[in-house]
């Protein structure tokens, strides 16, 4: 399971150089993989659960970082689109009961500060 998340992250980075549809597909697959991990969680050791939760957060962070790169490049609508993808990924993880230490809230606050807003409501 851990390797699947790592491979998705690698494919995402590769997909950024190729095609946006490919990267969106990979983000969708990460959602599905997170749901599978949630179903398997009762069977996993506490150490594996912790490691899996950590690994699940890497792709949303990579997607969020891409939104910042797009913002820097003055591609604001694309930046917002990728920001929403990142937050949706993290919120799915959080809604499935994984502890992300408030990652979606921190992403929203940081992106909102970047835009000069008090907060960004992704819902």
Protein backbone atom coordinates (compact mmCIF):
# COMPACT_ATOMS: atom_id res chain seq x y z
CA UNK A 1 0.00 0.00 0.00
CA UNK A 2 2.80 2.44 0.87
CA UNK A 3 4.49 1.80 -2.46
CA UNK A 4 1.25 2.57 -4.29
CA UNK A 5 1.09 6.04 -2.75
CA UNK A 6 4.77 6.61 -3.55
CA UNK A 7 4.27 5.55 -7.16
CA UNK A 8 1.26 7.82 -7.55
CA UNK A 9 3.33 10.73 -6.29
CA UNK A 10 6.09 9.94 -8.79
CA UNK A 11 3.58 9.55 -11.63
CA UNK A 12 2.00 12.87 -10.65
CA UNK A 13 5.35 14.67 -10.90
CA UNK A 14 6.01 13.02 -14.25
CA UNK A 15 2.49 13.84 -15.43
CA UNK A 16 3.04 17.54 -14.74
CA UNK A 17 5.53 17.54 -17.59
CA UNK A 18 3.13 15.77 -19.96
CA UNK A 19 -0.58 16.35 -19.65
CA UNK A 20 -2.97 17.95 -17.17
CA UNK A 21 -5.57 15.22 -17.80
CA UNK A 22 -3.02 12.65 -16.69
CA UNK A 23 -2.30 14.47 -13.45
CA UNK A 24 -6.02 14.89 -12.72
CA UNK A 25 -6.48 11.15 -13.28
CA UNK A 26 -3.66 10.43 -10.81
CA UNK A 27 -5.26 12.70 -8.22
CA UNK A 28 -8.51 10.77 -8.67
CA UNK A 29 -6.67 7.48 -8.22
CA UNK A 30 -5.15 8.81 -4.99
CA UNK A 31 -8.70 9.42 -3.69
CA UNK A 32 -9.59 5.80 -4.48
CA UNK A 33 -6.39 4.48 -2.92
CA UNK A 34 -7.11 6.47 0.24
CA UNK A 35 -10.52 4.82 0.47
CA UNK A 36 -8.94 1.38 0.06
CA UNK A 37 -6.38 2.20 2.78
CA UNK A 38 -9.22 3.23 5.08
CA UNK A 39 -10.95 -0.11 4.57
CA UNK A 40 -7.71 -1.98 5.32
CA UNK A 41 -6.78 0.12 8.33
CA UNK A 42 -8.31 -2.15 11.01
CA UNK A 43 -6.02 -4.94 9.83
CA UNK A 44 -2.82 -2.87 10.00
CA UNK A 45 -0.40 -2.40 12.85
CA UNK A 46 -0.32 1.02 14.57
CA UNK A 47 3.14 1.65 13.09
CA UNK A 48 1.88 0.89 9.57
CA UNK A 49 -1.17 3.12 10.08
CA UNK A 50 1.09 6.00 11.12
CA UNK A 51 3.43 5.49 8.17
CA UNK A 52 0.53 5.14 5.74
CA UNK A 53 -1.10 8.33 7.01
CA UNK A 54 2.19 10.18 6.54
CA UNK A 55 2.60 8.80 3.02
CA UNK A 56 -0.98 9.69 2.05
CA UNK A 57 -0.25 13.35 2.75
CA UNK A 58 2.66 13.67 0.32
CA UNK A 59 0.61 13.87 -2.88
CA UNK A 60 -1.74 16.59 -1.58
CA UNK A 61 1.30 18.59 -0.50
CA UNK A 62 2.85 18.17 -3.98
CA UNK A 63 -0.43 19.31 -5.57
CA UNK A 64 -0.58 22.28 -3.20
CA UNK A 65 3.00 23.21 -4.08
CA UNK A 66 2.03 23.10 -7.77
CA UNK A 67 -0.76 25.58 -7.03
CA UNK A 68 1.85 27.92 -5.51
CA UNK A 69 4.07 27.60 -8.58
CA UNK A 70 1.11 28.45 -10.81
CA UNK A 71 0.28 31.44 -8.61
CA UNK A 72 3.88 32.63 -8.88
CA UNK A 73 3.61 32.30 -12.66
CA UNK A 74 0.46 34.47 -12.61
CA UNK A 75 -1.82 31.62 -13.67
CA UNK A 76 -4.36 32.39 -10.97
CA UNK A 77 -7.30 30.30 -12.20
CA UNK A 78 -5.09 27.22 -12.61
CA UNK A 79 -3.53 27.94 -9.24
CA UNK A 80 -6.95 27.99 -7.60
CA UNK A 81 -7.96 24.80 -9.41
CA UNK A 82 -4.89 22.90 -8.14
CA UNK A 83 -5.29 24.38 -4.67
CA UNK A 84 -8.85 22.99 -4.60
CA UNK A 85 -7.56 19.58 -5.75
CA UNK A 86 -5.00 19.55 -2.93
CA UNK A 87 -7.50 20.50 -0.26
CA UNK A 88 -10.05 18.00 -1.57
CA UNK A 89 -7.44 15.25 -1.33
CA UNK A 90 -6.57 16.15 2.26
CA UNK A 91 -10.20 16.55 3.26
CA UNK A 92 -10.95 13.08 1.90
CA UNK A 93 -8.11 11.72 4.03
CA UNK A 94 -9.41 13.59 7.08
CA UNK A 95 -13.04 12.56 6.49
CA UNK A 96 -11.90 8.94 6.43
CA UNK A 97 -10.58 9.40 9.97
CA UNK A 98 -6.85 9.83 9.30
CA UNK A 99 -5.03 12.38 11.46
CA UNK A 100 -3.36 15.00 9.28
CA UNK A 101 -2.79 17.48 12.10
CA UNK A 102 -5.17 19.95 10.45
CA UNK A 103 -3.38 19.98 7.09
CA UNK A 104 -6.42 21.16 5.10
CA UNK A 105 -6.97 24.09 7.49
CA UNK A 106 -3.31 25.03 7.33
CA UNK A 107 -3.34 24.89 3.52
CA UNK A 108 -6.43 27.10 3.40
CA UNK A 109 -4.96 29.62 5.82
CA UNK A 110 -1.65 29.80 3.96
CA UNK A 111 -3.26 30.12 0.53
CA UNK A 112 -5.66 32.72 1.89
CA UNK A 113 -2.74 34.71 3.31
CA UNK A 114 -1.05 34.53 -0.07
CA UNK A 115 -4.16 35.99 -1.69
CA UNK A 116 -4.55 38.56 1.08
CA UNK A 117 -7.74 36.94 2.36
CA UNK A 118 -8.58 36.08 5.94
CA UNK A 119 -9.32 32.47 5.04
CA UNK A 120 -10.12 30.38 2.03
CA UNK A 121 -13.30 28.35 2.24
CA UNK A 122 -12.90 25.38 -0.06
CA UNK A 123 -16.35 23.89 0.58
